[in-house]
């Protein structure tokens, strides 16, 4: 079973003149997770540290940064992000906030639950 993936846009709403990043994101976490280089490119400020339990059961403390404006198609949300790993993980919280679902079985991808958002972003 693979992880669902999607191309999303990440922005720092505090610095609107800063170029947004278009990244490939994998579903499969609870929170939005970004690698350190993405947090640095977006100049995200650390809000606090967050304890995270990884898939292998280890507990670790990571920086929690934000805010991050996440956009997918005509949907968007504002969330914080855990700085960890080497790829962007979209996470269940921003997926639920944007009303996204995983679809497909072999080549998995992400789309809006109703096809289109009820309100444009």
PDB file of N, CA and C in Angstrom:
ATOM      1  N   UNK A   1       0.846  -1.171   0.000  1.00  0.00           N
ATOM      2  CA  UNK A   1       0.000   0.000   0.000  1.00  0.00           C
ATOM      3  C   UNK A   1       0.888   1.229   0.000  1.00  0.00           C
ATOM      4  N   UNK A   2       0.684   2.139  -0.943  1.00  0.00           N
ATOM      5  CA  UNK A   2       1.489   3.347  -1.039  1.00  0.00           C
ATOM      6  C   UNK A   2       0.845   4.514  -0.325  1.00  0.00           C
ATOM      7  N   UNK A   3       1.579   5.618  -0.267  1.00  0.00           N
ATOM      8  CA  UNK A   3       1.049   6.836   0.308  1.00  0.00           C
ATOM      9  C   UNK A   3       0.443   7.676  -0.800  1.00  0.00           C
ATOM     10  N   UNK A   4      -0.644   8.381  -0.497  1.00  0.00           N
ATOM     11  CA  UNK A   4      -1.240   9.291  -1.466  1.00  0.00           C
ATOM     12  C   UNK A   4      -0.336  10.499  -1.623  1.00  0.00           C
ATOM     13  N   UNK A   5      -0.314  11.063  -2.830  1.00  0.00           N
ATOM     14  CA  UNK A   5       0.514  12.242  -3.050  1.00  0.00           C
ATOM     15  C   UNK A   5      -0.261  13.296  -3.812  1.00  0.00           C
ATOM     16  N   UNK A   6       0.183  14.544  -3.671  1.00  0.00           N
ATOM     17  CA  UNK A   6      -0.441  15.672  -4.354  1.00  0.00           C
ATOM     18  C   UNK A   6       0.586  16.787  -4.468  1.00  0.00           C
ATOM     19  N   UNK A   7       0.400  17.658  -5.438  1.00  0.00           N
ATOM     20  CA  UNK A   7       1.228  18.852  -5.542  1.00  0.00           C
ATOM     21  C   UNK A   7       0.477  19.978  -4.848  1.00  0.00           C
ATOM     22  N   UNK A   8       1.113  20.577  -3.844  1.00  0.00           N
ATOM     23  CA  UNK A   8       0.495  21.652  -3.067  1.00  0.00           C
ATOM     24  C   UNK A   8       1.386  22.885  -3.111  1.00  0.00           C
ATOM     25  N   UNK A   9       0.809  24.011  -2.726  1.00  0.00           N
ATOM     26  CA  UNK A   9       1.552  25.262  -2.636  1.00  0.00           C
ATOM     27  C   UNK A   9       1.616  25.674  -1.171  1.00  0.00           C
ATOM     28  N   UNK A  10       2.813  26.043  -0.725  1.00  0.00           N
ATOM     29  CA  UNK A  10       3.023  26.509   0.650  1.00  0.00           C
ATOM     30  C   UNK A  10       3.443  27.971   0.609  1.00  0.00           C
ATOM     31  N   UNK A  11       2.852  28.790   1.483  1.00  0.00           N
ATOM     32  CA  UNK A  11       3.170  30.210   1.557  1.00  0.00           C
ATOM     33  C   UNK A  11       3.279  30.651   3.008  1.00  0.00           C
ATOM     34  N   UNK A  12       4.061  31.696   3.228  1.00  0.00           N
ATOM     35  CA  UNK A  12       4.126  32.344   4.535  1.00  0.00           C
ATOM     36  C   UNK A  12       3.224  33.576   4.458  1.00  0.00           C
ATOM     37  N   UNK A  13       2.044  33.553   5.125  1.00  0.00           N
ATOM     38  CA  UNK A  13       1.117  34.680   5.007  1.00  0.00           C
ATOM     39  C   UNK A  13       1.650  35.966   5.656  1.00  0.00           C
ATOM     40  N   UNK A  14       2.643  35.832   6.521  1.00  0.00           N
ATOM     41  CA  UNK A  14       3.241  37.023   7.137  1.00  0.00           C
ATOM     42  C   UNK A  14       4.178  37.748   6.180  1.00  0.00           C
ATOM     43  N   UNK A  15       4.649  37.030   5.149  1.00  0.00           N
ATOM     44  CA  UNK A  15       5.570  37.604   4.162  1.00  0.00           C
ATOM     45  C   UNK A  15       5.006  37.366   2.763  1.00  0.00           C
ATOM     46  N   UNK A  16       3.955  38.097   2.390  1.00  0.00           N
ATOM     47  CA  UNK A  16       3.285  37.835   1.111  1.00  0.00           C
ATOM     48  C   UNK A  16       4.159  38.092  -0.118  1.00  0.00           C
ATOM     49  N   UNK A  17       5.213  38.881   0.021  1.00  0.00           N
ATOM     50  CA  UNK A  17       6.089  39.149  -1.120  1.00  0.00           C
ATOM     51  C   UNK A  17       7.064  38.005  -1.372  1.00  0.00           C
ATOM     52  N   UNK A  18       7.193  37.112  -0.393  1.00  0.00           N
ATOM     53  CA  UNK A  18       8.067  35.956  -0.530  1.00  0.00           C
ATOM     54  C   UNK A  18       7.423  34.973  -1.508  1.00  0.00           C
ATOM     55  N   UNK A  19       8.224  34.388  -2.387  1.00  0.00           N
ATOM     56  CA  UNK A  19       7.699  33.458  -3.389  1.00  0.00           C
ATOM     57  C   UNK A  19       7.137  32.199  -2.727  1.00  0.00           C
ATOM     58  N   UNK A  20       5.942  31.807  -3.155  1.00  0.00           N
ATOM     59  CA  UNK A  20       5.331  30.571  -2.663  1.00  0.00           C
ATOM     60  C   UNK A  20       6.091  29.381  -3.236  1.00  0.00           C
ATOM     61  N   UNK A  21       6.077  28.271  -2.489  1.00  0.00           N
ATOM     62  CA  UNK A  21       6.734  27.048  -2.933  1.00  0.00           C
ATOM     63  C   UNK A  21       5.693  26.043  -3.399  1.00  0.00           C
ATOM     64  N   UNK A  22       5.884  25.498  -4.576  1.00  0.00           N
ATOM     65  CA  UNK A  22       5.037  24.414  -5.071  1.00  0.00           C
ATOM     66  C   UNK A  22       5.805  23.133  -4.808  1.00  0.00           C
ATOM     67  N   UNK A  23       5.231  22.230  -4.011  1.00  0.00           N
ATOM     68  CA  UNK A  23       5.950  21.019  -3.603  1.00  0.00           C
ATOM     69  C   UNK A  23       5.061  19.789  -3.783  1.00  0.00           C
ATOM     70  N   UNK A  24       5.714  18.653  -3.942  1.00  0.00           N
ATOM     71  CA  UNK A  24       5.030  17.363  -3.961  1.00  0.00           C
ATOM     72  C   UNK A  24       4.884  16.942  -2.500  1.00  0.00           C
ATOM     73  N   UNK A  25       3.680  16.630  -2.079  1.00  0.00           N
ATOM     74  CA  UNK A  25       3.438  16.254  -0.690  1.00  0.00           C
ATOM     75  C   UNK A  25       2.866  14.853  -0.617  1.00  0.00           C
ATOM     76  N   UNK A  26       3.237  14.135   0.418  1.00  0.00           N
ATOM     77  CA  UNK A  26       2.696  12.807   0.695  1.00  0.00           C
ATOM     78  C   UNK A  26       1.717  12.910   1.848  1.00  0.00           C
ATOM     79  N   UNK A  27       0.631  12.181   1.773  1.00  0.00           N
ATOM     80  CA  UNK A  27      -0.271  12.056   2.916  1.00  0.00           C
ATOM     81  C   UNK A  27       0.320  10.975   3.814  1.00  0.00           C
ATOM     82  N   UNK A  28      -0.085  10.896   5.042  1.00  0.00           N
ATOM     83  CA  UNK A  28       0.405   9.818   5.893  1.00  0.00           C
ATOM     84  C   UNK A  28       0.880  10.287   7.254  1.00  0.00           C
ATOM     85  N   UNK A  29       0.551  11.509   7.638  1.00  0.00           N
ATOM     86  CA  UNK A  29       0.894  12.005   8.965  1.00  0.00           C
ATOM     87  C   UNK A  29      -0.337  12.707   9.526  1.00  0.00           C
ATOM     88  N   UNK A  30      -0.233  13.185  10.741  1.00  0.00           N
ATOM     89  CA  UNK A  30      -1.331  13.936  11.339  1.00  0.00           C
ATOM     90  C   UNK A  30      -1.163  15.420  11.018  1.00  0.00           C
ATOM     91  N   UNK A  31       0.038  15.947  11.262  1.00  0.00           N
ATOM     92  CA  UNK A  31       0.325  17.358  11.061  1.00  0.00           C
ATOM     93  C   UNK A  31       0.998  17.588   9.709  1.00  0.00           C
ATOM     94  N   UNK A  32       0.976  18.833   9.238  1.00  0.00           N
ATOM     95  CA  UNK A  32       1.823  19.212   8.119  1.00  0.00           C
ATOM     96  C   UNK A  32       3.259  19.111   8.615  1.00  0.00           C
ATOM     97  N   UNK A  33       4.100  18.412   7.888  1.00  0.00           N
ATOM     98  CA  UNK A  33       5.516  18.288   8.237  1.00  0.00           C
ATOM     99  C   UNK A  33       6.334  18.809   7.064  1.00  0.00           C
ATOM    100  N   UNK A  34       7.326  19.647   7.363  1.00  0.00           N
ATOM    101  CA  UNK A  34       8.183  20.198   6.311  1.00  0.00           C
ATOM    102  C   UNK A  34       9.641  19.991   6.699  1.00  0.00           C
ATOM    103  N   UNK A  35      10.506  19.751   5.711  1.00  0.00           N
ATOM    104  CA  UNK A  35      11.932  19.664   5.993  1.00  0.00           C
ATOM    105  C   UNK A  35      12.463  21.038   6.393  1.00  0.00           C
ATOM    106  N   UNK A  36      13.609  21.042   7.041  1.00  0.00           N
ATOM    107  CA  UNK A  36      14.201  22.288   7.521  1.00  0.00           C
ATOM    108  C   UNK A  36      14.427  23.291   6.389  1.00  0.00           C
ATOM    109  N   UNK A  37      14.881  22.822   5.213  1.00  0.00           N
ATOM    110  CA  UNK A  37      15.153  23.758   4.119  1.00  0.00           C
ATOM    111  C   UNK A  37      13.888  24.455   3.622  1.00  0.00           C
ATOM    112  N   UNK A  38      12.728  23.807   3.710  1.00  0.00           N
ATOM    113  CA  UNK A  38      11.467  24.432   3.315  1.00  0.00           C
ATOM    114  C   UNK A  38      11.079  25.497   4.342  1.00  0.00           C
ATOM    115  N   UNK A  39      11.212  25.174   5.632  1.00  0.00           N
ATOM    116  CA  UNK A  39      10.918  26.153   6.685  1.00  0.00           C
ATOM    117  C   UNK A  39      11.811  27.385   6.539  1.00  0.00           C
ATOM    118  N   UNK A  40      13.080  27.168   6.183  1.00  0.00           N
ATOM    119  CA  UNK A  40      14.007  28.290   5.999  1.00  0.00           C
ATOM    120  C   UNK A  40      13.636  29.113   4.766  1.00  0.00           C
ATOM    121  N   UNK A  41      13.302  28.460   3.654  1.00  0.00           N
ATOM    122  CA  UNK A  41      12.929  29.177   2.433  1.00  0.00           C
ATOM    123  C   UNK A  41      11.697  30.057   2.663  1.00  0.00           C
ATOM    124  N   UNK A  42      10.741  29.572   3.442  1.00  0.00           N
ATOM    125  CA  UNK A  42       9.526  30.329   3.720  1.00  0.00           C
ATOM    126  C   UNK A  42       9.694  31.289   4.905  1.00  0.00           C
ATOM    127  N   UNK A  43      10.861  31.242   5.537  1.00  0.00           N
ATOM    128  CA  UNK A  43      11.168  32.095   6.700  1.00  0.00           C
ATOM    129  C   UNK A  43      10.093  31.957   7.785  1.00  0.00           C
ATOM    130  N   UNK A  44       9.731  30.707   8.079  1.00  0.00           N
ATOM    131  CA  UNK A  44       8.721  30.434   9.096  1.00  0.00           C
ATOM    132  C   UNK A  44       9.323  30.569  10.480  1.00  0.00           C
ATOM    133  N   UNK A  45       8.587  31.200  11.376  1.00  0.00           N
ATOM    134  CA  UNK A  45       9.051  31.409  12.751  1.00  0.00           C
ATOM    135  C   UNK A  45       8.671  30.228  13.627  1.00  0.00           C
ATOM    136  N   UNK A  46       9.606  29.850  14.520  1.00  0.00           N
ATOM    137  CA  UNK A  46       9.290  28.781  15.466  1.00  0.00           C
ATOM    138  C   UNK A  46       8.324  29.316  16.513  1.00  0.00           C
ATOM    139  N   UNK A  47       7.229  28.601  16.713  1.00  0.00           N
ATOM    140  CA  UNK A  47       6.226  28.975  17.705  1.00  0.00           C
ATOM    141  C   UNK A  47       6.550  28.302  19.035  1.00  0.00           C
ATOM    142  N   UNK A  48       6.853  27.026  18.987  1.00  0.00           N
ATOM    143  CA  UNK A  48       7.266  26.241  20.147  1.00  0.00           C
ATOM    144  C   UNK A  48       7.819  24.920  19.667  1.00  0.00           C
ATOM    145  N   UNK A  49       8.103  23.999  20.588  1.00  0.00           N
ATOM    146  CA  UNK A  49       8.540  22.657  20.229  1.00  0.00           C
ATOM    147  C   UNK A  49       7.391  21.695  20.490  1.00  0.00           C
ATOM    148  N   UNK A  50       7.291  20.679  19.661  1.00  0.00           N
ATOM    149  CA  UNK A  50       6.184  19.723  19.754  1.00  0.00           C
ATOM    150  C   UNK A  50       6.743  18.313  19.837  1.00  0.00           C
ATOM    151  N   UNK A  51       6.223  17.534  20.784  1.00  0.00           N
ATOM    152  CA  UNK A  51       6.605  16.128  20.863  1.00  0.00           C
ATOM    153  C   UNK A  51       5.800  15.343  19.832  1.00  0.00           C
ATOM    154  N   UNK A  52       6.491  14.525  19.067  1.00  0.00           N
ATOM    155  CA  UNK A  52       5.875  13.758  17.994  1.00  0.00           C
ATOM    156  C   UNK A  52       6.209  12.285  18.189  1.00  0.00           C
ATOM    157  N   UNK A  53       5.227  11.429  17.955  1.00  0.00           N
ATOM    158  CA  UNK A  53       5.464   9.985  17.955  1.00  0.00           C
ATOM    159  C   UNK A  53       5.498   9.556  16.495  1.00  0.00           C
ATOM    160  N   UNK A  54       6.636   9.040  16.052  1.00  0.00           N
ATOM    161  CA  UNK A  54       6.793   8.639  14.655  1.00  0.00           C
ATOM    162  C   UNK A  54       6.206   7.242  14.426  1.00  0.00           C
ATOM    163  N   UNK A  55       6.121   6.843  13.166  1.00  0.00           N
ATOM    164  CA  UNK A  55       5.509   5.560  12.802  1.00  0.00           C
ATOM    165  C   UNK A  55       6.182   4.376  13.474  1.00  0.00           C
ATOM    166  N   UNK A  56       7.481   4.493  13.784  1.00  0.00           N
ATOM    167  CA  UNK A  56       8.181   3.388  14.439  1.00  0.00           C
ATOM    168  C   UNK A  56       8.053   3.426  15.958  1.00  0.00           C
ATOM    169  N   UNK A  57       7.232   4.349  16.486  1.00  0.00           N
ATOM    170  CA  UNK A  57       6.962   4.406  17.919  1.00  0.00           C
ATOM    171  C   UNK A  57       7.898   5.300  18.722  1.00  0.00           C
ATOM    172  N   UNK A  58       8.901   5.885  18.080  1.00  0.00           N
ATOM    173  CA  UNK A  58       9.834   6.764  18.811  1.00  0.00           C
ATOM    174  C   UNK A  58       9.184   8.107  19.114  1.00  0.00           C
ATOM    175  N   UNK A  59       9.493   8.637  20.300  1.00  0.00           N
ATOM    176  CA  UNK A  59       9.055   9.981  20.690  1.00  0.00           C
ATOM    177  C   UNK A  59      10.231  10.926  20.529  1.00  0.00           C
ATOM    178  N   UNK A  60       9.997  12.030  19.824  1.00  0.00           N
ATOM    179  CA  UNK A  60      11.040  13.028  19.617  1.00  0.00           C
ATOM    180  C   UNK A  60      10.408  14.405  19.666  1.00  0.00           C
ATOM    181  N   UNK A  61      11.232  15.409  19.956  1.00  0.00           N
ATOM    182  CA  UNK A  61      10.763  16.790  20.011  1.00  0.00           C
ATOM    183  C   UNK A  61      11.295  17.526  18.782  1.00  0.00           C
ATOM    184  N   UNK A  62      10.395  18.231  18.093  1.00  0.00           N
ATOM    185  CA  UNK A  62      10.744  18.959  16.870  1.00  0.00           C
ATOM    186  C   UNK A  62      10.223  20.391  16.950  1.00  0.00           C
ATOM    187  N   UNK A  63      10.844  21.313  16.198  1.00  0.00           N
ATOM    188  CA  UNK A  63      10.314  22.672  16.128  1.00  0.00           C
ATOM    189  C   UNK A  63       8.938  22.676  15.462  1.00  0.00           C
ATOM    190  N   UNK A  64       8.059  23.528  15.957  1.00  0.00           N
ATOM    191  CA  UNK A  64       6.732  23.741  15.369  1.00  0.00           C
ATOM    192  C   UNK A  64       6.702  25.174  14.882  1.00  0.00           C
ATOM    193  N   UNK A  65       6.502  25.377  13.570  1.00  0.00           N
ATOM    194  CA  UNK A  65       6.614  26.695  12.949  1.00  0.00           C
ATOM    195  C   UNK A  65       5.297  27.101  12.301  1.00  0.00           C
ATOM    196  N   UNK A  66       5.198  28.379  11.990  1.00  0.00           N
ATOM    197  CA  UNK A  66       3.998  28.818  11.295  1.00  0.00           C
ATOM    198  C   UNK A  66       3.859  30.316  11.325  1.00  0.00           C
ATOM    199  N   UNK A  67       2.742  30.799  10.837  1.00  0.00           N
ATOM    200  CA  UNK A  67       1.692  30.041  10.151  1.00  0.00           C
ATOM    201  C   UNK A  67       2.101  29.693   8.724  1.00  0.00           C
ATOM    202  N   UNK A  68       1.447  28.679   8.172  1.00  0.00           N
ATOM    203  CA  UNK A  68       1.674  28.252   6.794  1.00  0.00           C
ATOM    204  C   UNK A  68       0.322  28.255   6.078  1.00  0.00           C
ATOM    205  N   UNK A  69       0.271  28.916   4.925  1.00  0.00           N
ATOM    206  CA  UNK A  69      -0.930  28.861   4.088  1.00  0.00           C
ATOM    207  C   UNK A  69      -0.708  27.735   3.085  1.00  0.00           C
ATOM    208  N   UNK A  70      -1.546  26.716   3.151  1.00  0.00           N
ATOM    209  CA  UNK A  70      -1.462  25.551   2.258  1.00  0.00           C
ATOM    210  C   UNK A  70      -2.566  25.688   1.217  1.00  0.00           C
ATOM    211  N   UNK A  71      -2.213  25.511  -0.062  1.00  0.00           N
ATOM    212  CA  UNK A  71      -3.212  25.567  -1.124  1.00  0.00           C
ATOM    213  C   UNK A  71      -3.137  24.315  -1.986  1.00  0.00           C
ATOM    214  N   UNK A  72      -4.311  23.817  -2.347  1.00  0.00           N
ATOM    215  CA  UNK A  72      -4.433  22.680  -3.263  1.00  0.00           C
ATOM    216  C   UNK A  72      -5.619  22.968  -4.168  1.00  0.00           C
ATOM    217  N   UNK A  73      -5.381  23.058  -5.475  1.00  0.00           N
ATOM    218  CA  UNK A  73      -6.431  23.431  -6.423  1.00  0.00           C
ATOM    219  C   UNK A  73      -7.098  24.725  -5.940  1.00  0.00           C
ATOM    220  N   UNK A  74      -8.418  24.705  -5.749  1.00  0.00           N
ATOM    221  CA  UNK A  74      -9.108  25.921  -5.302  1.00  0.00           C
ATOM    222  C   UNK A  74      -9.447  25.881  -3.814  1.00  0.00           C
ATOM    223  N   UNK A  75      -8.642  25.146  -3.051  1.00  0.00           N
ATOM    224  CA  UNK A  75      -8.862  25.009  -1.608  1.00  0.00           C
ATOM    225  C   UNK A  75      -7.638  25.512  -0.852  1.00  0.00           C
ATOM    226  N   UNK A  76      -7.832  25.872   0.397  1.00  0.00           N
ATOM    227  CA  UNK A  76      -6.704  26.326   1.189  1.00  0.00           C
ATOM    228  C   UNK A  76      -6.990  26.240   2.672  1.00  0.00           C
ATOM    229  N   UNK A  77      -5.931  26.316   3.466  1.00  0.00           N
ATOM    230  CA  UNK A  77      -6.070  26.344   4.918  1.00  0.00           C
ATOM    231  C   UNK A  77      -4.824  26.977   5.519  1.00  0.00           C
ATOM    232  N   UNK A  78      -4.922  27.368   6.775  1.00  0.00           N
ATOM    233  CA  UNK A  78      -3.797  27.917   7.530  1.00  0.00           C
ATOM    234  C   UNK A  78      -3.487  26.952   8.667  1.00  0.00           C
ATOM    235  N   UNK A  79      -2.231  26.528   8.756  1.00  0.00           N
ATOM    236  CA  UNK A  79      -1.824  25.577   9.792  1.00  0.00           C
ATOM    237  C   UNK A  79      -0.409  25.892  10.256  1.00  0.00           C
ATOM    238  N   UNK A  80       0.003  25.229  11.314  1.00  0.00           N
ATOM    239  CA  UNK A  80       1.397  25.201  11.719  1.00  0.00           C
ATOM    240  C   UNK A  80       2.038  23.965  11.103  1.00  0.00           C
ATOM    241  N   UNK A  81       3.353  23.864  11.221  1.00  0.00           N
ATOM    242  CA  UNK A  81       4.061  22.716  10.640  1.00  0.00           C
ATOM    243  C   UNK A  81       5.147  22.228  11.579  1.00  0.00           C
ATOM    244  N   UNK A  82       5.306  20.924  11.636  1.00  0.00           N
ATOM    245  CA  UNK A  82       6.405  20.300  12.368  1.00  0.00           C
ATOM    246  C   UNK A  82       7.590  20.245  11.409  1.00  0.00           C
ATOM    247  N   UNK A  83       8.766  20.703  11.876  1.00  0.00           N
ATOM    248  CA  UNK A  83       9.961  20.680  11.038  1.00  0.00           C
ATOM    249  C   UNK A  83      10.687  19.364  11.291  1.00  0.00           C
ATOM    250  N   UNK A  84      10.588  18.466  10.293  1.00  0.00           N
ATOM    251  CA  UNK A  84      11.215  17.151  10.420  1.00  0.00           C
ATOM    252  C   UNK A  84      11.270  16.481   9.058  1.00  0.00           C
ATOM    253  N   UNK A  85      12.160  15.551   8.910  1.00  0.00           N
ATOM    254  CA  UNK A  85      12.215  14.714   7.722  1.00  0.00           C
ATOM    255  C   UNK A  85      12.839  15.385   6.515  1.00  0.00           C
ATOM    256  N   UNK A  86      12.739  14.690   5.375  1.00  0.00           N
ATOM    257  CA  UNK A  86      13.348  15.203   4.148  1.00  0.00           C
ATOM    258  C   UNK A  86      12.340  15.383   3.019  1.00  0.00           C
ATOM    259  N   UNK A  87      11.034  15.260   3.325  1.00  0.00           N
ATOM    260  CA  UNK A  87       9.993  15.525   2.336  1.00  0.00           C
ATOM    261  C   UNK A  87       8.776  16.096   3.047  1.00  0.00           C
ATOM    262  N   UNK A  88       7.933  16.786   2.283  1.00  0.00           N
ATOM    263  CA  UNK A  88       6.729  17.390   2.846  1.00  0.00           C
ATOM    264  C   UNK A  88       5.674  16.313   3.048  1.00  0.00           C
ATOM    265  N   UNK A  89       5.086  16.274   4.244  1.00  0.00           N
ATOM    266  CA  UNK A  89       3.954  15.392   4.540  1.00  0.00           C
ATOM    267  C   UNK A  89       2.745  16.284   4.778  1.00  0.00           C
ATOM    268  N   UNK A  90       1.709  16.098   3.988  1.00  0.00           N
ATOM    269  CA  UNK A  90       0.546  16.982   4.058  1.00  0.00           C
ATOM    270  C   UNK A  90      -0.200  16.852   5.381  1.00  0.00           C
ATOM    271  N   UNK A  91      -0.443  15.671   5.850  1.00  0.00           N
ATOM    272  CA  UNK A  91      -1.071  15.474   7.150  1.00  0.00           C
ATOM    273  C   UNK A  91      -2.592  15.484   7.113  1.00  0.00           C
ATOM    274  N   UNK A  92      -3.173  14.764   8.067  1.00  0.00           N
ATOM    275  CA  UNK A  92      -4.629  14.629   8.152  1.00  0.00           C
ATOM    276  C   UNK A  92      -5.317  15.935   8.528  1.00  0.00           C
ATOM    277  N   UNK A  93      -4.691  16.744   9.382  1.00  0.00           N
ATOM    278  CA  UNK A  93      -5.334  17.990   9.825  1.00  0.00           C
ATOM    279  C   UNK A  93      -5.548  18.956   8.657  1.00  0.00           C
ATOM    280  N   UNK A  94      -4.509  19.294   7.865  1.00  0.00           N
ATOM    281  CA  UNK A  94      -4.790  20.171   6.725  1.00  0.00           C
ATOM    282  C   UNK A  94      -5.664  19.507   5.655  1.00  0.00           C
ATOM    283  N   UNK A  95      -5.565  18.180   5.490  1.00  0.00           N
ATOM    284  CA  UNK A  95      -6.431  17.507   4.510  1.00  0.00           C
ATOM    285  C   UNK A  95      -7.898  17.627   4.913  1.00  0.00           C
ATOM    286  N   UNK A  96      -8.191  17.432   6.192  1.00  0.00           N
ATOM    287  CA  UNK A  96      -9.569  17.577   6.671  1.00  0.00           C
ATOM    288  C   UNK A  96     -10.029  19.021   6.543  1.00  0.00           C
ATOM    289  N   UNK A  97      -9.149  19.961   6.877  1.00  0.00           N
ATOM    290  CA  UNK A  97      -9.502  21.379   6.810  1.00  0.00           C
ATOM    291  C   UNK A  97      -9.878  21.780   5.381  1.00  0.00           C
ATOM    292  N   UNK A  98      -9.223  21.176   4.383  1.00  0.00           N
ATOM    293  CA  UNK A  98      -9.511  21.493   2.988  1.00  0.00           C
ATOM    294  C   UNK A  98     -10.519  20.520   2.371  1.00  0.00           C
ATOM    295  N   UNK A  99     -11.055  19.612   3.186  1.00  0.00           N
ATOM    296  CA  UNK A  99     -12.033  18.617   2.741  1.00  0.00           C
ATOM    297  C   UNK A  99     -11.485  17.779   1.588  1.00  0.00           C
ATOM    298  N   UNK A 100     -10.281  17.228   1.789  1.00  0.00           N
ATOM    299  CA  UNK A 100      -9.639  16.379   0.792  1.00  0.00           C
ATOM    300  C   UNK A 100      -9.728  14.919   1.208  1.00  0.00           C
ATOM    301  N   UNK A 101      -9.734  14.033   0.228  1.00  0.00           N
ATOM    302  CA  UNK A 101      -9.740  12.597   0.482  1.00  0.00           C
ATOM    303  C   UNK A 101      -8.699  11.932  -0.402  1.00  0.00           C
ATOM    304  N   UNK A 102      -8.208  10.782   0.039  1.00  0.00           N
ATOM    305  CA  UNK A 102      -7.322   9.959  -0.784  1.00  0.00           C
ATOM    306  C   UNK A 102      -8.202   9.128  -1.703  1.00  0.00           C
ATOM    307  N   UNK A 103      -7.813   9.043  -2.980  1.00  0.00           N
ATOM    308  CA  UNK A 103      -8.586   8.232  -3.923  1.00  0.00           C
ATOM    309  C   UNK A 103      -7.652   7.305  -4.679  1.00  0.00           C
ATOM    310  N   UNK A 104      -8.214   6.261  -5.241  1.00  0.00           N
ATOM    311  CA  UNK A 104      -7.414   5.301  -5.997  1.00  0.00           C
ATOM    312  C   UNK A 104      -6.872   4.222  -5.090  1.00  0.00           C
ATOM    313  N   UNK A 105      -6.408   3.158  -5.688  1.00  0.00           N
ATOM    314  CA  UNK A 105      -5.858   2.070  -4.891  1.00  0.00           C
ATOM    315  C   UNK A 105      -4.413   1.779  -5.255  1.00  0.00           C
ATOM    316  N   UNK A 106      -4.083   1.817  -6.539  1.00  0.00           N
ATOM    317  CA  UNK A 106      -2.722   1.478  -6.937  1.00  0.00           C
ATOM    318  C   UNK A 106      -1.862   2.724  -7.039  1.00  0.00           C
ATOM    319  N   UNK A 107      -2.224   3.634  -7.910  1.00  0.00           N
ATOM    320  CA  UNK A 107      -1.565   4.937  -7.972  1.00  0.00           C
ATOM    321  C   UNK A 107      -2.452   5.891  -7.192  1.00  0.00           C
ATOM    322  N   UNK A 108      -2.117   6.130  -5.958  1.00  0.00           N
ATOM    323  CA  UNK A 108      -2.972   6.912  -5.078  1.00  0.00           C
ATOM    324  C   UNK A 108      -2.750   8.401  -5.307  1.00  0.00           C
ATOM    325  N   UNK A 109      -3.830   9.167  -5.230  1.00  0.00           N
ATOM    326  CA  UNK A 109      -3.713  10.614  -5.297  1.00  0.00           C
ATOM    327  C   UNK A 109      -4.762  11.254  -4.406  1.00  0.00           C
ATOM    328  N   UNK A 110      -4.780  12.571  -4.402  1.00  0.00           N
ATOM    329  CA  UNK A 110      -5.651  13.330  -3.513  1.00  0.00           C
ATOM    330  C   UNK A 110      -6.564  14.193  -4.359  1.00  0.00           C
ATOM    331  N   UNK A 111      -7.816  14.343  -3.941  1.00  0.00           N
ATOM    332  CA  UNK A 111      -8.728  15.264  -4.610  1.00  0.00           C
ATOM    333  C   UNK A 111      -9.731  15.780  -3.596  1.00  0.00           C
ATOM    334  N   UNK A 112     -10.484  16.803  -3.998  1.00  0.00           N
ATOM    335  CA  UNK A 112     -11.530  17.336  -3.131  1.00  0.00           C
ATOM    336  C   UNK A 112     -12.644  16.335  -2.953  1.00  0.00           C
ATOM    337  N   UNK A 113     -13.228  16.329  -1.771  1.00  0.00           N
ATOM    338  CA  UNK A 113     -14.279  15.362  -1.451  1.00  0.00           C
ATOM    339  C   UNK A 113     -15.476  15.499  -2.385  1.00  0.00           C
ATOM    340  N   UNK A 114     -15.907  16.707  -2.680  1.00  0.00           N
ATOM    341  CA  UNK A 114     -17.081  16.925  -3.532  1.00  0.00           C
ATOM    342  C   UNK A 114     -16.692  17.364  -4.924  1.00  0.00           C
ATOM    343  N   UNK A 115     -15.417  17.255  -5.254  1.00  0.00           N
ATOM    344  CA  UNK A 115     -14.955  17.671  -6.572  1.00  0.00           C
ATOM    345  C   UNK A 115     -14.557  19.125  -6.611  1.00  0.00           C
ATOM    346  N   UNK A 116     -15.338  20.006  -5.979  1.00  0.00           N
ATOM    347  CA  UNK A 116     -15.021  21.420  -5.910  1.00  0.00           C
ATOM    348  C   UNK A 116     -15.308  21.921  -4.509  1.00  0.00           C
ATOM    349  N   UNK A 117     -14.560  22.925  -4.080  1.00  0.00           N
ATOM    350  CA  UNK A 117     -14.805  23.525  -2.770  1.00  0.00           C
ATOM    351  C   UNK A 117     -16.123  24.281  -2.812  1.00  0.00           C
ATOM    352  N   UNK A 118     -16.810  24.353  -1.687  1.00  0.00           N
ATOM    353  CA  UNK A 118     -18.069  25.083  -1.650  1.00  0.00           C
ATOM    354  C   UNK A 118     -17.838  26.590  -1.738  1.00  0.00           C
ATOM    355  N   UNK A 119     -16.703  27.047  -1.263  1.00  0.00           N
ATOM    356  CA  UNK A 119     -16.356  28.464  -1.360  1.00  0.00           C
ATOM    357  C   UNK A 119     -14.982  28.587  -1.995  1.00  0.00           C
ATOM    358  N   UNK A 120     -14.820  29.451  -2.985  1.00  0.00           N
ATOM    359  CA  UNK A 120     -13.487  29.601  -3.590  1.00  0.00           C
ATOM    360  C   UNK A 120     -12.498  30.213  -2.612  1.00  0.00           C
ATOM    361  N   UNK A 121     -11.249  29.815  -2.736  1.00  0.00           N
ATOM    362  CA  UNK A 121     -10.195  30.332  -1.860  1.00  0.00           C
ATOM    363  C   UNK A 121      -9.338  31.292  -2.644  1.00  0.00           C
TER     364      UNK A 121
END
